[in-house]
Amino acid sequence: MFDDLMTDRITVRTSEGKIFMDVAASVQGNKVFTERTEIPLRPGDQISRITPAGVEETFIIEDPGFHSGGGDLPDTYQMRVRRS
């Protein structure tokens, strides 16, 4: 449903050592949104992305912010993050 807004591609590195690449997301300042709720996100996990200018940005998840969908709305993560 929000696929048009998920224009960023992120890599998630969990504290258990799992890596999820090419995750569709929307990075907006200290918030990151994704519908990939099967990824087990926890505080302290790391997110990275490459900007259009080729610069790698790295973030640490402070709060995964899982939100249950309803009706036509999907489940989402609305993460609160800080730059690493």
PDB file of N, CA and C in Angstrom:
ATOM      1  N   MET A   1       0.824  -1.197   0.000  1.00  0.00           N
ATOM      2  CA  MET A   1       0.000   0.000   0.000  1.00  0.00           C
ATOM      3  C   MET A   1       0.868   1.261   0.000  1.00  0.00           C
ATOM      4  N   PHE A   2       1.926   1.248   0.800  1.00  0.00           N
ATOM      5  CA  PHE A   2       2.815   2.402   0.880  1.00  0.00           C
ATOM      6  C   PHE A   2       4.066   2.197   0.025  1.00  0.00           C
ATOM      7  N   ASP A   3       4.018   1.233  -0.884  1.00  0.00           N
ATOM      8  CA  ASP A   3       5.190   0.889  -1.680  1.00  0.00           C
ATOM      9  C   ASP A   3       5.784   2.097  -2.400  1.00  0.00           C
ATOM     10  N   ASP A   4       4.959   3.012  -2.871  1.00  0.00           N
ATOM     11  CA  ASP A   4       5.454   4.191  -3.588  1.00  0.00           C
ATOM     12  C   ASP A   4       6.294   5.096  -2.684  1.00  0.00           C
ATOM     13  N   LEU A   5       6.083   5.026  -1.374  1.00  0.00           N
ATOM     14  CA  LEU A   5       6.824   5.859  -0.434  1.00  0.00           C
ATOM     15  C   LEU A   5       8.132   5.209   0.016  1.00  0.00           C
ATOM     16  N   MET A   6       8.275   3.917  -0.222  1.00  0.00           N
ATOM     17  CA  MET A   6       9.461   3.168   0.222  1.00  0.00           C
ATOM     18  C   MET A   6      10.532   3.228  -0.864  1.00  0.00           C
ATOM     19  N   THR A   7      11.132   4.391  -1.038  1.00  0.00           N
ATOM     20  CA  THR A   7      12.086   4.607  -2.131  1.00  0.00           C
ATOM     21  C   THR A   7      13.538   4.346  -1.736  1.00  0.00           C
ATOM     22  N   ASP A   8      13.805   4.144  -0.442  1.00  0.00           N
ATOM     23  CA  ASP A   8      15.161   3.849   0.007  1.00  0.00           C
ATOM     24  C   ASP A   8      15.360   2.344   0.088  1.00  0.00           C
ATOM     25  N   ARG A   9      16.609   1.914  -0.079  1.00  0.00           N
ATOM     26  CA  ARG A   9      16.970   0.514   0.114  1.00  0.00           C
ATOM     27  C   ARG A   9      17.975   0.480   1.256  1.00  0.00           C
ATOM     28  N   ILE A  10      17.624  -0.269   2.311  1.00  0.00           N
ATOM     29  CA  ILE A  10      18.483  -0.319   3.492  1.00  0.00           C
ATOM     30  C   ILE A  10      18.994  -1.744   3.705  1.00  0.00           C
ATOM     31  N   THR A  11      20.053  -1.836   4.495  1.00  0.00           N
ATOM     32  CA  THR A  11      20.566  -3.115   4.973  1.00  0.00           C
ATOM     33  C   THR A  11      20.395  -3.112   6.485  1.00  0.00           C
ATOM     34  N   VAL A  12      19.838  -4.193   7.010  1.00  0.00           N
ATOM     35  CA  VAL A  12      19.621  -4.338   8.451  1.00  0.00           C
ATOM     36  C   VAL A  12      20.580  -5.400   8.975  1.00  0.00           C
ATOM     37  N   ARG A  13      21.316  -5.057  10.028  1.00  0.00           N
ATOM     38  CA  ARG A  13      22.195  -6.008  10.713  1.00  0.00           C
ATOM     39  C   ARG A  13      21.673  -6.164  12.135  1.00  0.00           C
ATOM     40  N   THR A  14      21.192  -7.368  12.460  1.00  0.00           N
ATOM     41  CA  THR A  14      20.623  -7.590  13.785  1.00  0.00           C
ATOM     42  C   THR A  14      21.724  -7.955  14.779  1.00  0.00           C
ATOM     43  N   SER A  15      21.408  -7.828  16.051  1.00  0.00           N
ATOM     44  CA  SER A  15      22.372  -8.172  17.099  1.00  0.00           C
ATOM     45  C   SER A  15      22.668  -9.670  17.120  1.00  0.00           C
ATOM     46  N   GLU A  16      21.817 -10.486  16.493  1.00  0.00           N
ATOM     47  CA  GLU A  16      22.064 -11.928  16.390  1.00  0.00           C
ATOM     48  C   GLU A  16      22.967 -12.272  15.211  1.00  0.00           C
ATOM     49  N   GLY A  17      23.373 -11.249  14.440  1.00  0.00           N
ATOM     50  CA  GLY A  17      24.270 -11.472  13.312  1.00  0.00           C
ATOM     51  C   GLY A  17      23.581 -11.709  11.984  1.00  0.00           C
ATOM     52  N   LYS A  18      22.269 -11.618  11.934  1.00  0.00           N
ATOM     53  CA  LYS A  18      21.554 -11.788  10.668  1.00  0.00           C
ATOM     54  C   LYS A  18      21.631 -10.493   9.871  1.00  0.00           C
ATOM     55  N   ILE A  19      21.705 -10.640   8.545  1.00  0.00           N
ATOM     56  CA  ILE A  19      21.771  -9.481   7.653  1.00  0.00           C
ATOM     57  C   ILE A  19      20.634  -9.583   6.653  1.00  0.00           C
ATOM     58  N   PHE A  20      19.881  -8.503   6.520  1.00  0.00           N
ATOM     59  CA  PHE A  20      18.789  -8.408   5.558  1.00  0.00           C
ATOM     60  C   PHE A  20      19.140  -7.268   4.610  1.00  0.00           C
ATOM     61  N   MET A  21      19.327  -7.602   3.338  1.00  0.00           N
ATOM     62  CA  MET A  21      19.765  -6.607   2.361  1.00  0.00           C
ATOM     63  C   MET A  21      18.607  -6.208   1.444  1.00  0.00           C
ATOM     64  N   ASP A  22      18.742  -5.037   0.849  1.00  0.00           N
ATOM     65  CA  ASP A  22      17.793  -4.526  -0.141  1.00  0.00           C
ATOM     66  C   ASP A  22      16.370  -4.454   0.412  1.00  0.00           C
ATOM     67  N   VAL A  23      16.241  -3.968   1.646  1.00  0.00           N
ATOM     68  CA  VAL A  23      14.944  -3.828   2.305  1.00  0.00           C
ATOM     69  C   VAL A  23      14.331  -2.491   1.884  1.00  0.00           C
ATOM     70  N   ALA A  24      13.138  -2.539   1.325  1.00  0.00           N
ATOM     71  CA  ALA A  24      12.435  -1.308   0.942  1.00  0.00           C
ATOM     72  C   ALA A  24      12.057  -0.538   2.200  1.00  0.00           C
ATOM     73  N   ALA A  25      12.391   0.751   2.217  1.00  0.00           N
ATOM     74  CA  ALA A  25      12.134   1.567   3.404  1.00  0.00           C
ATOM     75  C   ALA A  25      12.015   3.029   3.004  1.00  0.00           C
ATOM     76  N   SER A  26      11.614   3.831   3.962  1.00  0.00           N
ATOM     77  CA  SER A  26      11.602   5.282   3.818  1.00  0.00           C
ATOM     78  C   SER A  26      12.373   5.855   5.000  1.00  0.00           C
ATOM     79  N   VAL A  27      13.517   6.488   4.707  1.00  0.00           N
ATOM     80  CA  VAL A  27      14.354   7.091   5.740  1.00  0.00           C
ATOM     81  C   VAL A  27      14.032   8.573   5.787  1.00  0.00           C
ATOM     82  N   GLN A  28      13.594   9.044   6.966  1.00  0.00           N
ATOM     83  CA  GLN A  28      13.181  10.443   7.132  1.00  0.00           C
ATOM     84  C   GLN A  28      13.752  10.973   8.442  1.00  0.00           C
ATOM     85  N   GLY A  29      14.976  11.496   8.366  1.00  0.00           N
ATOM     86  CA  GLY A  29      15.611  12.044   9.567  1.00  0.00           C
ATOM     87  C   GLY A  29      15.878  10.966  10.590  1.00  0.00           C
ATOM     88  N   ASN A  30      15.256  11.074  11.761  1.00  0.00           N
ATOM     89  CA  ASN A  30      15.469  10.074  12.803  1.00  0.00           C
ATOM     90  C   ASN A  30      14.371   9.016  12.823  1.00  0.00           C
ATOM     91  N   LYS A  31      13.678   8.853  11.692  1.00  0.00           N
ATOM     92  CA  LYS A  31      12.643   7.828  11.552  1.00  0.00           C
ATOM     93  C   LYS A  31      12.934   6.990  10.309  1.00  0.00           C
ATOM     94  N   VAL A  32      12.680   5.693  10.412  1.00  0.00           N
ATOM     95  CA  VAL A  32      12.786   4.788   9.270  1.00  0.00           C
ATOM     96  C   VAL A  32      11.529   3.930   9.271  1.00  0.00           C
ATOM     97  N   PHE A  33      10.868   3.868   8.116  1.00  0.00           N
ATOM     98  CA  PHE A  33       9.620   3.130   7.980  1.00  0.00           C
ATOM     99  C   PHE A  33       9.830   1.957   7.020  1.00  0.00           C
ATOM    100  N   THR A  34       9.267   0.797   7.352  1.00  0.00           N
ATOM    101  CA  THR A  34       9.276  -0.342   6.441  1.00  0.00           C
ATOM    102  C   THR A  34       8.086  -1.242   6.740  1.00  0.00           C
ATOM    103  N   GLU A  35       7.661  -1.968   5.717  1.00  0.00           N
ATOM    104  CA  GLU A  35       6.597  -2.948   5.879  1.00  0.00           C
ATOM    105  C   GLU A  35       7.163  -4.348   6.085  1.00  0.00           C
ATOM    106  N   ARG A  36       8.472  -4.497   6.135  1.00  0.00           N
ATOM    107  CA  ARG A  36       9.125  -5.807   6.287  1.00  0.00           C
ATOM    108  C   ARG A  36       9.118  -6.225   7.758  1.00  0.00           C
ATOM    109  N   THR A  37       7.939  -6.511   8.276  1.00  0.00           N
ATOM    110  CA  THR A  37       7.790  -6.805   9.701  1.00  0.00           C
ATOM    111  C   THR A  37       8.205  -8.226  10.076  1.00  0.00           C
ATOM    112  N   GLU A  38       8.598  -9.045   9.103  1.00  0.00           N
ATOM    113  CA  GLU A  38       9.111 -10.380   9.435  1.00  0.00           C
ATOM    114  C   GLU A  38      10.561 -10.312   9.919  1.00  0.00           C
ATOM    115  N   ILE A  39      11.210  -9.158   9.767  1.00  0.00           N
ATOM    116  CA  ILE A  39      12.572  -8.973  10.262  1.00  0.00           C
ATOM    117  C   ILE A  39      12.490  -8.716  11.772  1.00  0.00           C
ATOM    118  N   PRO A  40      13.209  -9.502  12.589  1.00  0.00           N
ATOM    119  CA  PRO A  40      13.121  -9.348  14.046  1.00  0.00           C
ATOM    120  C   PRO A  40      13.970  -8.178  14.551  1.00  0.00           C
ATOM    121  N   LEU A  41      13.437  -6.975  14.507  1.00  0.00           N
ATOM    122  CA  LEU A  41      14.176  -5.782  14.912  1.00  0.00           C
ATOM    123  C   LEU A  41      14.138  -5.588  16.418  1.00  0.00           C
ATOM    124  N   ARG A  42      15.292  -5.149  16.957  1.00  0.00           N
ATOM    125  CA  ARG A  42      15.416  -4.857  18.382  1.00  0.00           C
ATOM    126  C   ARG A  42      16.243  -3.593  18.567  1.00  0.00           C
ATOM    127  N   PRO A  43      16.076  -2.913  19.693  1.00  0.00           N
ATOM    128  CA  PRO A  43      16.949  -1.768  19.966  1.00  0.00           C
ATOM    129  C   PRO A  43      18.418  -2.199  19.896  1.00  0.00           C
ATOM    130  N   GLY A  44      19.234  -1.360  19.288  1.00  0.00           N
ATOM    131  CA  GLY A  44      20.652  -1.654  19.136  1.00  0.00           C
ATOM    132  C   GLY A  44      21.016  -2.238  17.788  1.00  0.00           C
ATOM    133  N   ASP A  45      20.024  -2.745  17.036  1.00  0.00           N
ATOM    134  CA  ASP A  45      20.305  -3.240  15.693  1.00  0.00           C
ATOM    135  C   ASP A  45      20.732  -2.074  14.803  1.00  0.00           C
ATOM    136  N   GLN A  46      21.413  -2.386  13.708  1.00  0.00           N
ATOM    137  CA  GLN A  46      21.992  -1.360  12.843  1.00  0.00           C
ATOM    138  C   GLN A  46      21.330  -1.355  11.469  1.00  0.00           C
ATOM    139  N   ILE A  47      21.151  -0.146  10.950  1.00  0.00           N
ATOM    140  CA  ILE A  47      20.612   0.048   9.602  1.00  0.00           C
ATOM    141  C   ILE A  47      21.615   0.895   8.833  1.00  0.00           C
ATOM    142  N   SER A  48      21.802   0.559   7.555  1.00  0.00           N
ATOM    143  CA  SER A  48      22.652   1.406   6.718  1.00  0.00           C
ATOM    144  C   SER A  48      22.009   1.567   5.346  1.00  0.00           C
ATOM    145  N   ARG A  49      22.394   2.640   4.688  1.00  0.00           N
ATOM    146  CA  ARG A  49      21.952   2.881   3.317  1.00  0.00           C
ATOM    147  C   ARG A  49      23.027   3.695   2.608  1.00  0.00           C
ATOM    148  N   ILE A  50      22.989   3.653   1.294  1.00  0.00           N
ATOM    149  CA  ILE A  50      23.871   4.461   0.465  1.00  0.00           C
ATOM    150  C   ILE A  50      23.018   5.581  -0.130  1.00  0.00           C
ATOM    151  N   THR A  51      23.428   6.828   0.079  1.00  0.00           N
ATOM    152  CA  THR A  51      22.688   7.967  -0.469  1.00  0.00           C
ATOM    153  C   THR A  51      22.925   8.047  -1.979  1.00  0.00           C
ATOM    154  N   PRO A  52      22.103   8.814  -2.693  1.00  0.00           N
ATOM    155  CA  PRO A  52      22.328   8.983  -4.132  1.00  0.00           C
ATOM    156  C   PRO A  52      23.726   9.533  -4.459  1.00  0.00           C
ATOM    157  N   ALA A  53      24.345  10.240  -3.510  1.00  0.00           N
ATOM    158  CA  ALA A  53      25.691  10.778  -3.715  1.00  0.00           C
ATOM    159  C   ALA A  53      26.769   9.731  -3.436  1.00  0.00           C
ATOM    160  N   GLY A  54      26.359   8.518  -3.039  1.00  0.00           N
ATOM    161  CA  GLY A  54      27.317   7.453  -2.788  1.00  0.00           C
ATOM    162  C   GLY A  54      27.876   7.415  -1.384  1.00  0.00           C
ATOM    163  N   VAL A  55      27.289   8.174  -0.469  1.00  0.00           N
ATOM    164  CA  VAL A  55      27.748   8.221   0.922  1.00  0.00           C
ATOM    165  C   VAL A  55      26.964   7.193   1.739  1.00  0.00           C
ATOM    166  N   GLU A  56      27.695   6.386   2.534  1.00  0.00           N
ATOM    167  CA  GLU A  56      27.012   5.429   3.396  1.00  0.00           C
ATOM    168  C   GLU A  56      26.597   6.107   4.694  1.00  0.00           C
ATOM    169  N   GLU A  57      25.341   5.926   5.057  1.00  0.00           N
ATOM    170  CA  GLU A  57      24.812   6.417   6.332  1.00  0.00           C
ATOM    171  C   GLU A  57      24.493   5.200   7.192  1.00  0.00           C
ATOM    172  N   THR A  58      24.828   5.289   8.472  1.00  0.00           N
ATOM    173  CA  THR A  58      24.570   4.191   9.394  1.00  0.00           C
ATOM    174  C   THR A  58      23.759   4.724  10.568  1.00  0.00           C
ATOM    175  N   PHE A  59      22.758   3.936  10.959  1.00  0.00           N
ATOM    176  CA  PHE A  59      21.862   4.306  12.051  1.00  0.00           C
ATOM    177  C   PHE A  59      21.770   3.159  13.043  1.00  0.00           C
ATOM    178  N   ILE A  60      21.507   3.489  14.301  1.00  0.00           N
ATOM    179  CA  ILE A  60      21.244   2.510  15.355  1.00  0.00           C
ATOM    180  C   ILE A  60      19.772   2.638  15.734  1.00  0.00           C
ATOM    181  N   ILE A  61      19.085   1.506  15.812  1.00  0.00           N
ATOM    182  CA  ILE A  61      17.671   1.511  16.181  1.00  0.00           C
ATOM    183  C   ILE A  61      17.547   1.753  17.681  1.00  0.00           C
ATOM    184  N   GLU A  62      16.818   2.789  18.043  1.00  0.00           N
ATOM    185  CA  GLU A  62      16.515   3.044  19.457  1.00  0.00           C
ATOM    186  C   GLU A  62      15.197   2.395  19.855  1.00  0.00           C
ATOM    187  N   ASP A  63      14.209   2.441  18.960  1.00  0.00           N
ATOM    188  CA  ASP A  63      12.897   1.849  19.212  1.00  0.00           C
ATOM    189  C   ASP A  63      12.379   1.304  17.884  1.00  0.00           C
ATOM    190  N   PRO A  64      12.135  -0.023  17.779  1.00  0.00           N
ATOM    191  CA  PRO A  64      11.643  -0.588  16.524  1.00  0.00           C
ATOM    192  C   PRO A  64      10.282  -0.040  16.107  1.00  0.00           C
ATOM    193  N   GLY A  65       9.441   0.326  17.054  1.00  0.00           N
ATOM    194  CA  GLY A  65       8.161   0.955  16.746  1.00  0.00           C
ATOM    195  C   GLY A  65       7.241   0.118  15.887  1.00  0.00           C
ATOM    196  N   PHE A  66       7.007  -1.141  16.284  1.00  0.00           N
ATOM    197  CA  PHE A  66       6.079  -1.986  15.528  1.00  0.00           C
ATOM    198  C   PHE A  66       4.658  -1.453  15.674  1.00  0.00           C
ATOM    199  N   HIS A  67       3.953  -1.343  14.551  1.00  0.00           N
ATOM    200  CA  HIS A  67       2.559  -0.903  14.548  1.00  0.00           C
ATOM    201  C   HIS A  67       1.724  -1.907  13.766  1.00  0.00           C
ATOM    202  N   SER A  68       0.692  -2.439  14.424  1.00  0.00           N
ATOM    203  CA  SER A  68      -0.220  -3.363  13.753  1.00  0.00           C
ATOM    204  C   SER A  68      -1.095  -2.601  12.784  1.00  0.00           C
ATOM    205  N   GLY A  69      -1.282  -3.181  11.633  1.00  0.00           N
ATOM    206  CA  GLY A  69      -2.168  -2.584  10.645  1.00  0.00           C
ATOM    207  C   GLY A  69      -3.615  -2.876  11.018  1.00  0.00           C
ATOM    208  N   GLY A  70      -4.481  -2.479  10.181  1.00  0.00           N
ATOM    209  CA  GLY A  70      -5.897  -2.733  10.389  1.00  0.00           C
ATOM    210  C   GLY A  70      -6.643  -2.453   9.104  1.00  0.00           C
ATOM    211  N   GLY A  71      -7.604  -3.275   8.808  1.00  0.00           N
ATOM    212  CA  GLY A  71      -8.340  -3.084   7.565  1.00  0.00           C
ATOM    213  C   GLY A  71      -7.405  -3.239   6.379  1.00  0.00           C
ATOM    214  N   ASP A  72      -7.276  -2.186   5.586  1.00  0.00           N
ATOM    215  CA  ASP A  72      -6.404  -2.219   4.417  1.00  0.00           C
ATOM    216  C   ASP A  72      -4.970  -1.810   4.734  1.00  0.00           C
ATOM    217  N   LEU A  73      -4.689  -1.413   5.972  1.00  0.00           N
ATOM    218  CA  LEU A  73      -3.355  -0.953   6.330  1.00  0.00           C
ATOM    219  C   LEU A  73      -2.472  -2.126   6.748  1.00  0.00           C
ATOM    220  N   PRO A  74      -1.232  -2.195   6.240  1.00  0.00           N
ATOM    221  CA  PRO A  74      -0.334  -3.284   6.612  1.00  0.00           C
ATOM    222  C   PRO A  74       0.327  -3.028   7.963  1.00  0.00           C
ATOM    223  N   ASP A  75       0.872  -4.099   8.555  1.00  0.00           N
ATOM    224  CA  ASP A  75       1.740  -3.934   9.722  1.00  0.00           C
ATOM    225  C   ASP A  75       2.975  -3.174   9.262  1.00  0.00           C
ATOM    226  N   THR A  76       3.541  -2.350  10.130  1.00  0.00           N
ATOM    227  CA  THR A  76       4.745  -1.603   9.777  1.00  0.00           C
ATOM    228  C   THR A  76       5.676  -1.477  10.980  1.00  0.00           C
ATOM    229  N   TYR A  77       6.937  -1.226  10.675  1.00  0.00           N
ATOM    230  CA  TYR A  77       7.881  -0.729  11.658  1.00  0.00           C
ATOM    231  C   TYR A  77       8.011   0.763  11.399  1.00  0.00           C
ATOM    232  N   GLN A  78       7.883   1.555  12.440  1.00  0.00           N
ATOM    233  CA  GLN A  78       8.110   2.997  12.365  1.00  0.00           C
ATOM    234  C   GLN A  78       9.228   3.276  13.368  1.00  0.00           C
ATOM    235  N   MET A  79      10.457   2.965  12.944  1.00  0.00           N
ATOM    236  CA  MET A  79      11.614   2.970  13.832  1.00  0.00           C
ATOM    237  C   MET A  79      12.072   4.372  14.188  1.00  0.00           C
ATOM    238  N   ARG A  80      12.458   4.518  15.429  1.00  0.00           N
ATOM    239  CA  ARG A  80      13.167   5.728  15.865  1.00  0.00           C
ATOM    240  C   ARG A  80      14.639   5.346  15.898  1.00  0.00           C
ATOM    241  N   VAL A  81      15.470   6.122  15.183  1.00  0.00           N
ATOM    242  CA  VAL A  81      16.887   5.789  15.047  1.00  0.00           C
ATOM    243  C   VAL A  81      17.760   6.995  15.373  1.00  0.00           C
ATOM    244  N   ARG A  82      19.055   6.720  15.570  1.00  0.00           N
ATOM    245  CA  ARG A  82      20.042   7.794  15.703  1.00  0.00           C
ATOM    246  C   ARG A  82      21.217   7.434  14.803  1.00  0.00           C
ATOM    247  N   ARG A  83      21.901   8.464  14.338  1.00  0.00           N
ATOM    248  CA  ARG A  83      23.068   8.227  13.493  1.00  0.00           C
ATOM    249  C   ARG A  83      24.174   7.590  14.322  1.00  0.00           C
ATOM    250  N   SER A  84      24.887   6.709  13.673  1.00  0.00           N
ATOM    251  CA  SER A  84      25.978   6.009  14.336  1.00  0.00           C
ATOM    252  C   SER A  84      27.275   6.786  14.163  1.00  0.00           C
TER     253      SER A  84
END
